[in-house]
N, C-alpha and C. Protein backbone atom coordinates (compact mmCIF):
# COMPACT_ATOMS: atom_id res chain seq x y z
N MET A 1 -32.38 15.55 -38.43
CA MET A 1 -32.63 15.62 -39.80
C MET A 1 -31.68 14.58 -40.42
N ALA A 2 -32.29 13.84 -41.45
CA ALA A 2 -31.42 12.83 -42.10
C ALA A 2 -30.13 13.33 -42.66
N GLY A 3 -29.10 12.51 -42.39
CA GLY A 3 -27.78 12.96 -42.86
C GLY A 3 -27.03 13.90 -42.03
N THR A 4 -27.32 14.42 -40.86
CA THR A 4 -26.72 15.31 -40.13
C THR A 4 -25.96 14.62 -38.96
N ARG A 5 -26.27 13.52 -38.64
CA ARG A 5 -25.54 12.85 -37.56
C ARG A 5 -23.99 12.90 -37.75
N THR A 6 -23.34 13.35 -36.81
CA THR A 6 -21.92 13.57 -36.80
C THR A 6 -21.28 13.13 -35.61
N ASP A 7 -20.25 12.25 -35.66
CA ASP A 7 -19.43 11.81 -34.60
C ASP A 7 -18.55 12.99 -34.28
N VAL A 8 -18.66 13.63 -33.00
CA VAL A 8 -17.87 14.66 -32.68
C VAL A 8 -16.51 14.42 -32.08
N ALA A 9 -16.57 13.43 -31.06
CA ALA A 9 -15.31 13.05 -30.52
C ALA A 9 -15.55 11.61 -29.77
N ARG A 10 -14.55 10.97 -29.30
CA ARG A 10 -14.72 9.67 -28.60
C ARG A 10 -13.70 9.67 -27.50
N GLY A 11 -14.02 8.94 -26.46
CA GLY A 11 -13.26 8.85 -25.23
C GLY A 11 -13.01 7.41 -24.89
N GLY A 12 -11.77 7.07 -24.64
CA GLY A 12 -11.50 5.81 -24.23
C GLY A 12 -11.26 5.56 -22.80
N ILE A 13 -11.06 4.34 -22.27
CA ILE A 13 -10.77 3.90 -20.95
C ILE A 13 -9.28 3.88 -20.70
N GLY A 14 -8.89 4.53 -19.48
CA GLY A 14 -7.44 4.54 -19.22
C GLY A 14 -7.32 4.09 -17.78
N SER A 15 -6.19 4.20 -17.20
CA SER A 15 -5.70 4.00 -15.81
C SER A 15 -4.97 5.17 -15.36
N ALA A 16 -5.15 5.25 -13.91
CA ALA A 16 -4.36 6.31 -13.30
C ALA A 16 -3.89 5.81 -11.99
N VAL A 17 -2.82 6.34 -11.41
CA VAL A 17 -2.33 6.12 -10.11
C VAL A 17 -2.13 7.42 -9.45
N ARG A 18 -1.84 7.35 -8.20
CA ARG A 18 -1.73 8.46 -7.31
C ARG A 18 -0.60 9.35 -7.77
N ALA A 19 -0.68 10.62 -7.63
CA ALA A 19 0.53 11.53 -8.20
C ALA A 19 1.79 11.05 -7.51
N GLY A 20 2.81 10.93 -8.37
CA GLY A 20 4.06 10.57 -7.84
C GLY A 20 4.43 9.05 -7.71
N ALA A 21 3.38 8.24 -7.81
CA ALA A 21 3.66 6.78 -7.74
C ALA A 21 4.02 6.35 -9.07
N PRO A 22 4.82 5.27 -9.13
CA PRO A 22 5.35 4.65 -10.37
C PRO A 22 4.22 4.29 -11.19
N LYS A 23 4.45 4.58 -12.54
CA LYS A 23 3.31 4.28 -13.55
C LYS A 23 3.57 2.81 -14.06
N PRO A 24 2.66 1.90 -13.82
CA PRO A 24 2.71 0.64 -14.42
C PRO A 24 2.69 0.71 -15.96
N ASP A 25 3.23 -0.48 -16.51
CA ASP A 25 3.27 -0.53 -17.98
C ASP A 25 1.94 -1.06 -18.38
N LEU A 26 1.23 -0.39 -19.41
CA LEU A 26 0.02 -0.69 -19.91
C LEU A 26 0.04 -0.93 -21.40
N SER A 27 1.17 -1.14 -21.93
CA SER A 27 1.50 -1.10 -23.39
C SER A 27 0.88 -2.23 -24.16
N THR A 28 0.65 -3.39 -23.48
CA THR A 28 0.16 -4.60 -24.03
C THR A 28 -0.80 -5.18 -23.07
N VAL A 29 -1.63 -6.10 -23.68
CA VAL A 29 -2.70 -6.79 -22.87
C VAL A 29 -1.99 -7.46 -21.76
N ASP A 30 -0.84 -8.13 -22.05
CA ASP A 30 -0.13 -9.00 -20.90
C ASP A 30 0.29 -8.03 -19.93
N ALA A 31 0.96 -6.88 -20.32
CA ALA A 31 1.39 -5.80 -19.49
C ALA A 31 0.26 -5.36 -18.50
N LEU A 32 -0.90 -5.06 -19.07
CA LEU A 32 -2.14 -4.61 -18.35
C LEU A 32 -2.49 -5.68 -17.33
N LYS A 33 -2.53 -6.80 -17.76
CA LYS A 33 -2.90 -7.84 -16.81
C LYS A 33 -1.91 -8.08 -15.67
N ARG A 34 -0.71 -7.94 -16.03
CA ARG A 34 0.34 -8.02 -14.98
C ARG A 34 0.19 -6.90 -14.01
N ALA A 35 -0.01 -5.57 -14.46
CA ALA A 35 -0.11 -4.52 -13.65
C ALA A 35 -1.36 -4.65 -12.73
N LEU A 36 -2.50 -5.12 -13.26
CA LEU A 36 -3.57 -5.34 -12.38
C LEU A 36 -3.35 -6.43 -11.24
N LEU A 37 -2.76 -7.42 -11.73
CA LEU A 37 -2.36 -8.33 -10.56
C LEU A 37 -1.39 -7.87 -9.53
N GLU A 38 -0.37 -7.07 -10.02
CA GLU A 38 0.53 -6.60 -9.03
C GLU A 38 0.08 -5.44 -8.12
N ALA A 39 -1.15 -4.78 -8.56
CA ALA A 39 -1.59 -3.75 -7.70
C ALA A 39 -2.16 -4.27 -6.40
N LYS A 40 -2.04 -3.67 -5.30
CA LYS A 40 -2.55 -4.02 -3.96
C LYS A 40 -3.98 -3.92 -4.01
N SER A 41 -4.53 -2.77 -4.73
CA SER A 41 -6.04 -2.58 -4.82
C SER A 41 -6.15 -1.69 -5.99
N ILE A 42 -7.39 -1.79 -6.66
CA ILE A 42 -7.87 -1.04 -7.85
C ILE A 42 -9.38 -0.57 -7.61
N THR A 43 -9.75 0.28 -8.42
CA THR A 43 -11.10 0.80 -8.42
C THR A 43 -11.49 1.07 -9.77
N HIS A 44 -12.79 0.67 -10.01
CA HIS A 44 -13.38 1.17 -11.24
C HIS A 44 -14.74 1.28 -11.03
N ALA A 45 -15.61 1.96 -12.03
CA ALA A 45 -16.97 2.07 -11.71
C ALA A 45 -17.78 0.78 -11.56
N ARG A 46 -18.72 0.84 -10.78
CA ARG A 46 -19.53 -0.42 -10.71
C ARG A 46 -20.55 -0.51 -11.77
N GLU A 47 -20.90 0.72 -12.26
CA GLU A 47 -22.02 0.96 -13.30
C GLU A 47 -21.45 1.70 -14.39
N GLY A 48 -22.34 2.06 -15.32
CA GLY A 48 -21.91 2.80 -16.48
C GLY A 48 -21.18 2.07 -17.57
N GLY A 49 -21.04 2.53 -18.65
CA GLY A 49 -20.33 1.81 -19.69
C GLY A 49 -18.97 1.25 -19.39
N SER A 50 -18.17 2.17 -18.85
CA SER A 50 -16.82 1.82 -18.59
C SER A 50 -16.75 0.70 -17.52
N GLY A 51 -17.48 0.97 -16.58
CA GLY A 51 -17.42 -0.08 -15.44
C GLY A 51 -18.00 -1.45 -15.75
N ILE A 52 -19.01 -1.41 -16.55
CA ILE A 52 -19.49 -2.82 -17.01
C ILE A 52 -18.48 -3.39 -17.97
N TYR A 53 -18.06 -2.70 -18.96
CA TYR A 53 -17.00 -3.18 -19.90
C TYR A 53 -15.81 -3.69 -19.19
N PHE A 54 -15.29 -2.93 -18.10
CA PHE A 54 -14.05 -3.34 -17.43
C PHE A 54 -14.29 -4.64 -16.64
N ALA A 55 -15.40 -4.66 -16.10
CA ALA A 55 -15.79 -5.85 -15.25
C ALA A 55 -15.68 -7.18 -16.17
N ALA A 56 -16.27 -6.99 -17.37
CA ALA A 56 -16.30 -7.98 -18.33
C ALA A 56 -14.82 -8.36 -18.93
N LEU A 57 -14.22 -7.26 -18.96
CA LEU A 57 -12.71 -7.58 -19.31
C LEU A 57 -11.92 -8.32 -18.50
N LEU A 58 -12.02 -8.02 -17.07
CA LEU A 58 -11.39 -8.89 -16.03
C LEU A 58 -11.76 -10.25 -16.26
N GLU A 59 -12.98 -10.54 -16.61
CA GLU A 59 -13.55 -12.04 -16.86
C GLU A 59 -12.72 -12.53 -17.96
N ARG A 60 -12.67 -11.81 -19.23
CA ARG A 60 -12.03 -12.28 -20.35
C ARG A 60 -10.58 -12.43 -20.14
N LEU A 61 -9.92 -11.66 -19.41
CA LEU A 61 -8.53 -11.86 -19.09
C LEU A 61 -8.25 -13.02 -18.02
N GLY A 62 -9.43 -13.55 -17.46
CA GLY A 62 -9.20 -14.75 -16.61
C GLY A 62 -8.87 -14.36 -15.08
N ILE A 63 -8.94 -13.10 -14.80
CA ILE A 63 -8.51 -12.65 -13.46
C ILE A 63 -9.46 -11.90 -12.46
N ALA A 64 -10.77 -12.14 -13.06
CA ALA A 64 -11.88 -11.48 -12.22
C ALA A 64 -11.97 -12.09 -10.73
N GLU A 65 -11.72 -13.32 -10.55
CA GLU A 65 -11.87 -13.80 -9.01
C GLU A 65 -10.61 -13.28 -8.36
N THR A 66 -9.53 -13.31 -8.97
CA THR A 66 -8.41 -12.84 -8.26
C THR A 66 -8.50 -11.32 -7.93
N MET A 67 -9.04 -10.49 -8.76
CA MET A 67 -9.28 -9.00 -8.64
C MET A 67 -10.39 -8.69 -7.63
N ARG A 68 -11.42 -9.57 -7.53
CA ARG A 68 -12.57 -9.23 -6.67
C ARG A 68 -12.24 -8.68 -5.36
N PRO A 69 -11.47 -9.35 -4.55
CA PRO A 69 -11.16 -9.04 -3.09
C PRO A 69 -10.31 -7.63 -3.07
N LYS A 70 -9.55 -7.34 -4.05
CA LYS A 70 -8.80 -6.08 -3.97
C LYS A 70 -9.49 -4.94 -4.85
N THR A 71 -10.68 -5.14 -5.21
CA THR A 71 -11.57 -4.16 -5.85
C THR A 71 -12.26 -3.14 -5.11
N LYS A 72 -12.16 -1.98 -4.99
CA LYS A 72 -12.95 -1.03 -4.15
C LYS A 72 -13.82 -0.19 -4.94
N PHE A 73 -14.87 0.13 -4.42
CA PHE A 73 -15.84 0.99 -5.10
C PHE A 73 -16.26 2.09 -4.16
N GLY A 74 -16.46 3.30 -4.89
CA GLY A 74 -16.87 4.41 -4.18
C GLY A 74 -18.01 5.15 -4.97
N ALA A 75 -18.58 6.12 -4.26
CA ALA A 75 -19.52 6.97 -4.95
C ALA A 75 -18.89 8.04 -5.73
N GLY A 76 -19.63 8.48 -6.92
CA GLY A 76 -18.92 9.32 -7.71
C GLY A 76 -17.76 8.90 -8.55
N ASN A 77 -16.87 9.80 -8.74
CA ASN A 77 -15.73 9.51 -9.53
C ASN A 77 -14.72 8.62 -8.74
N VAL A 78 -14.58 7.40 -9.12
CA VAL A 78 -13.67 6.40 -8.37
C VAL A 78 -12.36 6.81 -8.37
N ALA A 79 -11.78 7.71 -9.20
CA ALA A 79 -10.48 7.99 -9.19
C ALA A 79 -10.17 8.83 -7.80
N GLU A 80 -11.12 9.26 -7.19
CA GLU A 80 -11.09 10.00 -5.90
C GLU A 80 -10.50 9.03 -4.88
N LEU A 81 -10.74 7.76 -4.97
CA LEU A 81 -10.19 6.75 -4.02
C LEU A 81 -8.67 6.70 -4.26
N VAL A 82 -8.27 6.79 -5.44
CA VAL A 82 -6.81 6.74 -5.66
C VAL A 82 -6.03 8.11 -5.20
N ALA A 83 -6.72 9.04 -5.33
CA ALA A 83 -6.23 10.35 -4.80
C ALA A 83 -6.11 10.46 -3.25
N ALA A 84 -6.99 9.75 -2.64
CA ALA A 84 -7.16 9.69 -1.27
C ALA A 84 -6.17 8.65 -0.62
N GLY A 85 -5.61 7.77 -1.48
CA GLY A 85 -4.71 6.74 -1.04
C GLY A 85 -5.49 5.47 -0.60
N ASP A 86 -6.81 5.30 -1.06
CA ASP A 86 -7.52 4.14 -0.64
C ASP A 86 -7.47 3.05 -1.72
N ALA A 87 -7.03 3.33 -2.91
CA ALA A 87 -6.67 2.45 -3.99
C ALA A 87 -5.54 2.73 -4.65
N ASP A 88 -4.92 1.86 -5.26
CA ASP A 88 -3.59 2.02 -5.96
C ASP A 88 -3.69 2.42 -7.32
N MET A 89 -4.85 1.88 -8.03
CA MET A 89 -4.87 2.14 -9.43
C MET A 89 -6.58 2.29 -9.89
N ALA A 90 -6.81 3.23 -10.70
CA ALA A 90 -8.22 3.43 -11.03
C ALA A 90 -8.29 3.14 -12.50
N VAL A 91 -9.39 2.52 -12.98
CA VAL A 91 -9.64 2.21 -14.31
C VAL A 91 -10.90 2.79 -14.66
N GLN A 92 -10.85 3.93 -15.69
CA GLN A 92 -12.26 4.61 -15.84
C GLN A 92 -12.04 5.32 -17.28
N LEU A 93 -13.04 6.01 -17.58
CA LEU A 93 -12.90 6.89 -18.75
C LEU A 93 -11.85 7.96 -18.54
N ILE A 94 -10.99 8.21 -19.52
CA ILE A 94 -9.88 9.15 -19.38
C ILE A 94 -10.43 10.47 -19.07
N THR A 95 -11.47 10.86 -19.64
CA THR A 95 -12.09 12.15 -19.43
C THR A 95 -12.44 12.29 -17.99
N GLU A 96 -12.92 11.33 -17.25
CA GLU A 96 -13.06 11.48 -15.88
C GLU A 96 -11.81 11.44 -15.09
N LEU A 97 -10.83 10.56 -15.43
CA LEU A 97 -9.54 10.50 -14.63
C LEU A 97 -8.91 11.76 -14.52
N ILE A 98 -8.77 12.44 -15.69
CA ILE A 98 -7.87 13.79 -15.71
C ILE A 98 -8.52 14.91 -15.07
N ALA A 99 -9.81 14.70 -14.64
CA ALA A 99 -10.57 15.72 -13.87
C ALA A 99 -10.18 15.68 -12.42
N VAL A 100 -9.52 14.75 -11.99
CA VAL A 100 -9.28 14.53 -10.39
C VAL A 100 -7.79 14.97 -10.21
N ARG A 101 -7.78 15.73 -9.13
CA ARG A 101 -6.39 16.17 -8.59
C ARG A 101 -5.80 15.22 -7.71
N GLY A 102 -4.50 15.03 -7.80
CA GLY A 102 -3.89 14.02 -6.92
C GLY A 102 -3.55 12.79 -7.47
N ILE A 103 -3.92 12.58 -8.75
CA ILE A 103 -3.57 11.45 -9.44
C ILE A 103 -2.83 11.72 -10.77
N GLN A 104 -2.25 10.72 -11.39
CA GLN A 104 -1.78 10.97 -12.68
C GLN A 104 -2.19 9.89 -13.71
N LEU A 105 -2.41 10.30 -14.92
CA LEU A 105 -2.87 9.42 -15.89
C LEU A 105 -1.70 8.39 -16.34
N VAL A 106 -1.87 7.09 -16.29
CA VAL A 106 -0.87 6.20 -16.83
C VAL A 106 -1.03 6.14 -18.22
N GLY A 107 -2.25 5.99 -18.78
CA GLY A 107 -2.42 6.06 -20.16
C GLY A 107 -3.65 5.16 -20.50
N PRO A 108 -3.92 5.00 -21.72
CA PRO A 108 -5.18 4.30 -22.22
C PRO A 108 -4.85 2.67 -22.19
N LEU A 109 -5.98 1.93 -22.06
CA LEU A 109 -5.94 0.60 -22.09
C LEU A 109 -5.30 0.34 -23.55
N PRO A 110 -4.68 -0.94 -23.62
CA PRO A 110 -4.06 -1.35 -24.89
C PRO A 110 -5.18 -1.29 -26.09
N ALA A 111 -4.78 -1.02 -27.26
CA ALA A 111 -5.77 -1.00 -28.33
C ALA A 111 -6.66 -2.09 -28.51
N GLU A 112 -5.98 -3.29 -28.27
CA GLU A 112 -6.74 -4.61 -28.49
C GLU A 112 -7.93 -4.86 -27.48
N VAL A 113 -7.88 -4.17 -26.38
CA VAL A 113 -8.97 -4.24 -25.28
C VAL A 113 -9.65 -2.94 -25.05
N GLN A 114 -9.35 -1.90 -25.87
CA GLN A 114 -9.91 -0.59 -25.54
C GLN A 114 -11.44 -0.60 -25.98
N SER A 115 -12.22 0.26 -25.24
CA SER A 115 -13.53 0.49 -25.57
C SER A 115 -13.91 2.01 -25.54
N TYR A 116 -14.68 2.55 -26.47
CA TYR A 116 -14.83 4.01 -26.41
C TYR A 116 -16.42 4.34 -26.33
N ILE A 117 -16.50 5.46 -25.80
CA ILE A 117 -17.93 6.21 -25.87
C ILE A 117 -17.66 7.31 -27.00
N VAL A 118 -18.60 7.28 -27.91
CA VAL A 118 -18.78 8.30 -28.94
C VAL A 118 -19.73 9.25 -28.59
N LEU A 119 -19.26 10.50 -28.83
CA LEU A 119 -20.12 11.69 -28.70
C LEU A 119 -20.52 12.07 -29.99
N SER A 120 -21.92 12.11 -30.21
CA SER A 120 -22.43 12.48 -31.48
C SER A 120 -23.34 13.63 -31.42
N ALA A 121 -23.56 14.17 -32.55
CA ALA A 121 -24.45 15.52 -32.62
C ALA A 121 -25.23 15.26 -33.95
N ALA A 122 -26.40 15.86 -34.02
CA ALA A 122 -27.25 15.96 -35.24
C ALA A 122 -28.22 17.17 -35.04
N VAL A 123 -28.79 17.55 -36.19
CA VAL A 123 -29.84 18.43 -36.20
C VAL A 123 -31.18 17.81 -36.04
N GLY A 124 -31.94 18.18 -35.11
CA GLY A 124 -33.15 17.64 -34.76
C GLY A 124 -34.13 17.82 -35.90
N SER A 125 -34.90 16.91 -36.12
CA SER A 125 -35.90 17.03 -37.32
C SER A 125 -36.93 18.23 -37.12
N ARG A 126 -37.13 18.81 -35.87
CA ARG A 126 -37.94 19.82 -35.56
C ARG A 126 -37.32 21.00 -35.31
N ALA A 127 -35.98 21.17 -35.52
CA ALA A 127 -35.14 22.33 -35.39
C ALA A 127 -35.78 23.57 -35.99
N ARG A 128 -35.87 24.56 -35.25
CA ARG A 128 -36.46 26.00 -35.77
C ARG A 128 -35.39 26.64 -36.70
N GLU A 129 -34.12 26.41 -36.38
CA GLU A 129 -33.17 27.11 -37.20
C GLU A 129 -32.10 25.97 -37.63
N PRO A 130 -32.47 25.27 -38.54
CA PRO A 130 -31.47 24.08 -39.04
C PRO A 130 -30.19 24.71 -39.62
N ALA A 131 -30.09 25.94 -40.26
CA ALA A 131 -28.99 26.39 -40.68
C ALA A 131 -27.93 26.76 -39.55
N ILE A 132 -28.64 27.20 -38.57
CA ILE A 132 -27.69 27.49 -37.29
C ILE A 132 -27.23 26.20 -36.65
N ALA A 133 -28.06 25.36 -36.45
CA ALA A 133 -27.71 23.98 -35.98
C ALA A 133 -26.62 23.28 -36.78
N ASN A 134 -26.69 23.47 -38.08
CA ASN A 134 -25.60 22.95 -38.97
C ASN A 134 -24.37 23.60 -38.73
N GLY A 135 -24.38 24.96 -38.49
CA GLY A 135 -23.21 25.78 -38.20
C GLY A 135 -22.47 25.23 -36.87
N LEU A 136 -23.36 24.97 -36.05
CA LEU A 136 -22.77 24.44 -34.74
C LEU A 136 -22.15 23.10 -34.99
N LEU A 137 -22.78 22.19 -35.72
CA LEU A 137 -21.99 20.90 -36.12
C LEU A 137 -20.78 21.23 -36.74
N ARG A 138 -20.70 22.07 -37.72
CA ARG A 138 -19.46 22.51 -38.31
C ARG A 138 -18.31 22.89 -37.34
N PHE A 139 -18.84 23.74 -36.33
CA PHE A 139 -17.94 24.31 -35.47
C PHE A 139 -17.44 23.19 -34.63
N LEU A 140 -18.25 22.24 -34.16
CA LEU A 140 -17.90 21.14 -33.12
C LEU A 140 -16.87 20.23 -33.78
N THR A 141 -16.88 20.12 -35.19
CA THR A 141 -15.94 19.20 -35.92
C THR A 141 -14.81 19.98 -36.46
N ALA A 142 -14.69 21.37 -36.42
CA ALA A 142 -13.55 22.17 -37.01
C ALA A 142 -12.28 21.76 -36.44
N PRO A 143 -11.21 21.78 -37.40
CA PRO A 143 -9.96 21.44 -36.87
C PRO A 143 -9.34 22.31 -35.63
N ALA A 144 -9.87 23.45 -35.61
CA ALA A 144 -9.58 24.28 -34.35
C ALA A 144 -9.99 23.79 -33.06
N THR A 145 -11.00 22.88 -33.06
CA THR A 145 -11.52 22.48 -31.81
C THR A 145 -10.80 21.20 -31.28
N ALA A 146 -9.86 20.62 -32.09
CA ALA A 146 -9.11 19.50 -31.84
C ALA A 146 -8.36 19.59 -30.51
N SER A 147 -7.68 20.50 -30.37
CA SER A 147 -6.89 20.82 -29.19
C SER A 147 -7.75 20.79 -27.88
N VAL A 148 -8.87 21.33 -27.90
CA VAL A 148 -9.79 21.38 -26.85
C VAL A 148 -10.22 20.06 -26.35
N TYR A 149 -10.69 19.22 -27.33
CA TYR A 149 -10.97 17.77 -27.18
C TYR A 149 -9.81 16.93 -26.60
N LYS A 150 -8.68 17.13 -27.13
CA LYS A 150 -7.45 16.48 -26.66
C LYS A 150 -7.21 16.77 -25.23
N ALA A 151 -7.34 18.10 -24.96
CA ALA A 151 -7.03 18.54 -23.57
C ALA A 151 -8.07 17.99 -22.52
N LYS A 152 -9.18 17.58 -22.93
CA LYS A 152 -10.14 16.92 -22.06
C LYS A 152 -10.15 15.56 -22.23
N GLY A 153 -9.23 14.88 -22.78
CA GLY A 153 -8.96 13.42 -22.85
C GLY A 153 -9.80 12.78 -23.95
N LEU A 154 -10.20 13.47 -24.97
CA LEU A 154 -11.07 12.91 -26.08
C LEU A 154 -10.25 12.93 -27.39
N GLU A 155 -10.72 12.10 -28.18
CA GLU A 155 -10.07 12.06 -29.65
C GLU A 155 -11.21 12.88 -30.45
N PRO A 156 -10.70 13.94 -31.22
CA PRO A 156 -11.64 14.57 -32.12
C PRO A 156 -12.13 13.74 -33.23
N GLY A 157 -13.36 13.94 -33.61
CA GLY A 157 -14.00 13.19 -34.75
C GLY A 157 -13.80 14.13 -35.94
N PRO A 158 -14.50 13.69 -36.94
CA PRO A 158 -15.50 12.70 -37.00
C PRO A 158 -14.76 11.43 -37.66
N ASN A 159 -13.49 11.36 -37.95
CA ASN A 159 -12.77 10.25 -38.52
C ASN A 159 -11.73 9.67 -37.56
N PHE A 160 -12.30 9.17 -36.64
CA PHE A 160 -11.20 8.63 -35.65
C PHE A 160 -10.12 7.84 -36.15
């Protein structure tokens, strides 16, 4: 229905290392670049929004060729490679990183190179119960839901 589209939350890309490992500095783009170059091995998704974005970011940073031989890809959540000790650093959506045991979140990518997925909701034009659907939208964006979104690695909407 027109006018009902609402941005519920957004999730950014971050990095993680194995639990107990030193956390690299990701506070600036230069620090991120240095951390990636100093890592013995990294992993990121080959496909999907974050993987495609990160591969392009490596190109933009001018380090794609250097990173290629030390980049490992796996099936499923690539952070599992870090948990298993098969890669030193994972770069992936924060929501996916925090779901893996045996790793620790380093933090988000610097704001200048961050990319987000936005989770949106709306009432369908054929909704049988539009009032109930609107109630769900209000619930999904209520201040009380913010702590749940944050716990799952998301930033609550609608006004990021």
